[in-house]
Protein backbone atom coordinates (compact mmCIF):
# COMPACT_ATOMS: atom_id res chain seq x y z
CA MET A 1 166.05 -13.54 107.23
CA LYS A 2 164.00 -15.93 109.49
CA ILE A 3 164.25 -18.84 106.73
CA GLY A 4 168.07 -18.34 106.84
CA TYR A 5 168.04 -18.55 110.67
CA TYR A 6 166.05 -21.75 110.93
CA LEU A 7 168.00 -23.43 107.99
CA PHE A 8 171.30 -22.71 109.82
CA LYS A 9 169.95 -23.70 113.14
CA LEU A 10 169.28 -27.23 111.65
CA PHE A 11 172.67 -27.35 110.02
CA PRO A 12 175.11 -29.67 112.00
CA LYS A 13 177.35 -26.69 113.07
CA LYS A 14 179.43 -28.63 115.61
CA LEU A 15 180.08 -31.60 113.40
CA PHE A 16 180.95 -29.51 110.31
CA SER A 17 183.27 -27.40 112.52
CA TYR A 18 185.07 -30.48 113.87
CA LEU A 19 185.49 -31.90 110.46
CA PHE A 20 186.69 -28.53 108.99
CA GLY A 21 189.34 -28.20 111.76
CA LYS A 22 190.67 -31.69 111.05
CA LEU A 23 190.64 -30.55 107.20
CA MET A 24 192.45 -27.35 108.32
CA HIS A 25 195.33 -29.42 109.91
CA ILE A 26 196.11 -31.93 107.03
CA GLU A 27 199.59 -31.61 105.71
CA LEU A 28 199.61 -31.24 101.97
CA PRO A 29 202.52 -31.33 99.69
CA ARG A 30 204.51 -28.36 99.54
CA PHE A 31 203.64 -27.46 95.87
CA LEU A 32 199.95 -27.28 96.95
CA HIS A 33 200.33 -26.13 100.45
CA MET A 34 202.48 -22.92 99.98
CA PRO A 35 200.29 -21.29 97.42
CA LEU A 36 197.27 -21.91 99.62
CA LEU A 37 198.96 -20.53 102.51
CA LYS A 38 200.14 -17.43 100.87
CA THR A 39 196.75 -17.07 99.39
CA PHE A 40 195.37 -17.02 102.90
CA VAL A 41 197.71 -14.50 104.16
CA TRP A 42 196.99 -12.22 101.12
CA ALA A 43 193.30 -12.59 101.40
CA TYR A 44 193.15 -11.55 105.17
CA LYS A 45 196.07 -9.00 104.89
CA ILE A 46 198.19 -10.94 107.63
CA ASP A 47 201.48 -9.53 108.66
CA SER A 48 203.23 -13.05 108.50
CA GLN A 49 206.50 -11.36 109.55
CA GLU A 50 205.06 -11.26 113.08
CA ALA A 51 204.99 -14.83 113.10
CA GLU A 52 207.39 -16.74 115.19
CA ALA A 53 208.58 -18.89 112.20
CA PRO A 54 208.75 -18.23 108.35
CA LEU A 55 205.70 -19.46 106.46
CA SER A 56 207.60 -22.45 105.05
CA HIS A 57 207.70 -23.75 108.78
CA TYR A 58 203.79 -24.21 108.94
CA LYS A 59 202.81 -27.59 107.38
CA SER A 60 199.06 -26.72 107.32
CA LEU A 61 196.66 -23.78 107.41
CA GLY A 62 195.55 -24.81 110.84
CA ALA A 63 199.22 -24.68 112.12
CA PHE A 64 199.54 -21.07 110.91
CA PHE A 65 196.13 -20.18 112.28
CA VAL A 66 197.36 -21.02 115.87
CA ARG A 67 200.78 -19.60 115.22
CA GLU A 68 202.94 -17.95 118.02
CA LEU A 69 204.35 -14.45 117.49
CA LYS A 70 208.04 -13.25 117.88
CA ASP A 71 209.16 -12.15 121.05
CA LYS A 72 208.31 -8.53 121.76
CA SER A 73 205.76 -8.47 119.03
CA ARG A 74 203.18 -7.17 121.54
CA PRO A 75 205.21 -5.13 124.11
CA LEU A 76 203.24 -4.74 127.37
CA GLY A 77 202.14 -1.33 128.51
CA ALA A 78 200.11 -0.22 131.34
CA SER A 79 197.93 -2.99 132.81
CA PRO A 80 195.12 -4.06 132.52
CA PHE A 81 195.63 -4.44 128.72
CA SER A 82 193.92 -6.19 125.81
CA PRO A 83 194.15 -9.85 126.09
CA VAL A 84 193.77 -10.56 122.21
CA ASP A 85 194.39 -9.00 118.97
CA GLY A 86 191.08 -8.23 117.39
CA VAL A 87 188.35 -5.49 117.04
CA LEU A 88 186.77 -3.93 120.39
CA ARG A 89 183.07 -4.24 119.51
CA ASP A 90 181.76 -2.92 122.70
CA LEU A 91 182.71 -1.76 126.44
CA GLY A 92 180.87 -0.45 129.21
CA ILE A 93 179.48 -0.89 132.67
CA ILE A 94 177.32 -3.87 133.46
CA SER A 95 173.91 -2.88 134.56
CA GLN A 96 171.03 -4.86 136.00
CA GLY A 97 172.92 -8.01 134.92
CA GLN A 98 172.80 -7.50 131.58
CA LEU A 99 175.39 -7.28 128.64
CA PRO A 100 174.51 -5.59 125.26
CA GLN A 101 174.54 -7.74 122.15
CA ILE A 102 173.53 -5.23 119.59
CA LYS A 103 171.48 -2.08 119.61
CA GLY A 104 168.25 -2.91 121.65
CA GLU A 105 169.18 -6.39 122.42
CA SER A 106 170.99 -7.80 125.59
CA TYR A 107 171.66 -11.02 127.37
CA SER A 108 172.31 -11.73 131.01
CA VAL A 109 175.55 -12.35 132.69
CA GLU A 110 174.34 -15.09 134.66
CA LYS A 111 173.41 -17.05 131.38
CA LEU A 112 176.88 -16.13 130.00
CA LEU A 113 178.70 -17.31 132.91
CA GLN A 114 176.14 -20.02 134.11
CA ASP A 115 176.89 -18.80 137.77
CA SER A 116 174.50 -16.81 139.45
CA ASN A 117 177.05 -15.96 142.39
CA SER A 118 179.67 -14.83 140.04
CA ALA A 119 177.26 -12.85 138.00
CA ARG A 120 176.34 -10.70 141.05
CA ARG A 121 179.88 -9.93 141.73
CA PHE A 122 180.38 -8.55 138.42
CA GLU A 123 177.33 -5.92 138.78
CA GLU A 124 178.41 -2.53 137.96
CA GLY A 125 181.81 -3.91 136.70
CA LEU A 126 183.52 -3.21 133.34
CA PHE A 127 182.90 -5.47 130.34
CA PHE A 128 184.93 -5.70 127.05
CA ASN A 129 183.81 -7.65 123.89
CA PHE A 130 186.42 -8.31 121.37
CA TYR A 131 186.04 -10.07 118.03
CA LEU A 132 188.84 -12.13 116.38
CA SER A 133 188.72 -12.37 112.59
CA PRO A 134 190.55 -14.84 110.67
CA ARG A 135 193.61 -12.41 110.20
CA ASP A 136 194.14 -12.32 114.01
CA TYR A 137 196.65 -14.10 116.28
CA HIS A 138 194.46 -16.69 117.98
CA HIS A 139 195.72 -16.70 121.43
CA VAL A 140 194.09 -15.26 124.49
CA HIS A 141 196.34 -13.78 127.24
CA TYR A 142 195.80 -12.60 130.80
CA PRO A 143 194.44 -8.94 130.74
CA GLN A 144 196.07 -8.54 134.16
CA SER A 145 198.64 -10.33 136.17
CA GLY A 146 196.85 -12.70 138.63
CA ALA A 147 196.16 -16.42 139.29
CA VAL A 148 193.61 -18.69 137.88
CA VAL A 149 191.29 -19.52 140.82
CA SER A 150 188.70 -21.52 138.71
CA SER A 151 187.21 -22.22 135.30
CA ARG A 152 184.08 -23.60 133.74
CA TYR A 153 183.60 -25.26 130.44
CA ILE A 154 179.96 -24.58 129.19
CA PRO A 155 178.80 -26.92 126.26
CA GLY A 156 176.65 -25.02 123.60
CA HIS A 157 176.18 -24.25 119.93
CA LEU A 158 178.61 -23.06 117.55
CA TRP A 159 176.88 -20.15 115.81
CA PRO A 160 178.90 -17.57 113.82
CA VAL A 161 179.74 -14.52 116.01
CA ASN A 162 179.49 -12.08 113.03
CA ARG A 163 177.03 -9.30 112.56
CA TRP A 164 174.41 -11.57 111.24
CA SER A 165 174.34 -13.61 114.23
CA LEU A 166 174.33 -10.53 116.49
CA LYS A 167 171.10 -9.33 114.58
CA ASN A 168 169.50 -12.91 114.34
CA VAL A 169 170.58 -15.13 117.10
CA GLU A 170 169.39 -14.15 120.68
CA GLY A 171 172.01 -14.09 123.06
CA VAL A 172 174.38 -15.71 120.77
CA PHE A 173 177.51 -15.56 123.25
CA ALA A 174 175.41 -17.19 126.08
CA GLN A 175 174.40 -19.98 123.64
CA ASN A 176 177.73 -20.94 122.02
CA GLU A 177 180.20 -23.14 123.56
CA ARG A 178 182.52 -21.41 125.84
CA VAL A 179 185.30 -21.48 128.42
CA VAL A 180 185.20 -19.05 131.47
CA THR A 181 188.48 -18.53 133.29
CA TYR A 182 188.27 -16.68 136.53
CA LEU A 183 191.58 -14.68 137.74
CA GLU A 184 192.23 -13.06 140.99
CA THR A 185 193.95 -9.83 140.34
CA GLU A 186 194.99 -6.60 142.18
CA PHE A 187 191.76 -5.38 140.64
CA GLY A 188 189.71 -7.91 141.99
CA LEU A 189 188.09 -10.80 140.16
CA ILE A 190 188.24 -11.00 136.30
CA ALA A 191 186.35 -13.39 134.14
CA VAL A 192 187.80 -14.18 130.71
CA VAL A 193 185.26 -15.85 128.62
CA MET A 194 186.51 -17.37 125.35
CA VAL A 195 183.52 -18.01 123.00
CA ALA A 196 183.82 -20.64 120.35
CA ALA A 197 182.20 -20.02 116.86
CA PHE A 198 181.24 -21.89 113.68
CA ASN A 199 184.62 -23.32 112.33
CA VAL A 200 186.64 -22.06 115.16
CA GLY A 201 185.12 -24.32 117.64
CA ARG A 202 188.15 -25.75 119.45
CA ILE A 203 189.41 -23.92 122.66
CA SER A 204 192.39 -25.11 124.85
CA VAL A 205 193.89 -23.64 127.90
CA SER A 206 197.50 -23.48 129.06
CA TYR A 207 196.50 -24.59 132.73
CA ASP A 208 194.87 -27.85 131.71
CA THR A 209 194.91 -30.39 128.85
CA PHE A 210 191.27 -30.31 127.50
CA GLU A 211 190.16 -29.26 124.19
CA THR A 212 186.57 -28.29 123.31
CA ASN A 213 184.43 -29.48 120.49
CA GLN A 214 186.06 -32.92 120.40
CA ILE A 215 182.86 -34.72 119.30
CA PHE A 216 184.30 -38.14 119.14
CA GLN A 217 186.78 -38.08 121.83
CA PHE A 218 186.13 -35.36 124.28
CA ARG A 219 188.08 -35.29 127.55
CA SER A 220 186.70 -33.44 130.32
CA PRO A 221 189.24 -31.13 132.37
CA LYS A 222 190.78 -33.61 134.88
CA GLY A 223 187.87 -35.61 135.55
CA PHE A 224 185.04 -32.91 135.76
CA SER A 225 182.25 -31.88 133.62
CA ALA A 226 181.65 -28.22 134.42
CA VAL A 227 184.03 -26.53 136.93
CA TYR A 228 187.71 -26.67 137.40
CA ASN A 229 189.49 -25.70 140.65
CA PRO A 230 193.28 -25.83 139.95
CA PRO A 231 195.32 -27.26 142.82
CA LYS A 232 196.85 -24.76 145.24
CA GLU A 233 200.67 -24.51 144.87
């Protein structure tokens, strides 16, 4: 177990993920691409009927991976609601500034957010941890109506976020590259933390033009390296 950890620690995860992402977006000839795409859909049991466009519309695996859904595929119920498709791994109340990673192991909210003031604001607040698998719709929505008041891009590693990592990588969510978006809502401040992972390293947001894990051409959000405060309307 330890040998696997140290070998993977030395592995160039960010570079590999960057190149893998480029490979995923290569447009292949239709006679090669369609069987590959159908195999992907079959292997991960994806309901392609929910996609905004038919399979033939997507020219690469990457394009299908970030697909939009048809209108009303996810009707909104009472809020707050889940911001993503995926598995709810854990939920609970933040206690003593700690979040559980796996049984007996935890990490601090301050390390996750890289912000001690915000971490204190969330003490005794609710947390939810969702896992998105390759079959899931890979967009994140606001869990509650509100306004983006600030955000933070936090550089980091690209460990997998699977069960192996939860058991073997200390504070993996606070180690990986991530983007924190703060929303002011009727329930108070909400932090939506999007954590990148091995081979799923690119994060973009609707309120700015930056993308993470751009090794050779990274553009900081509107001239800042860490914190973004959107202009007031």
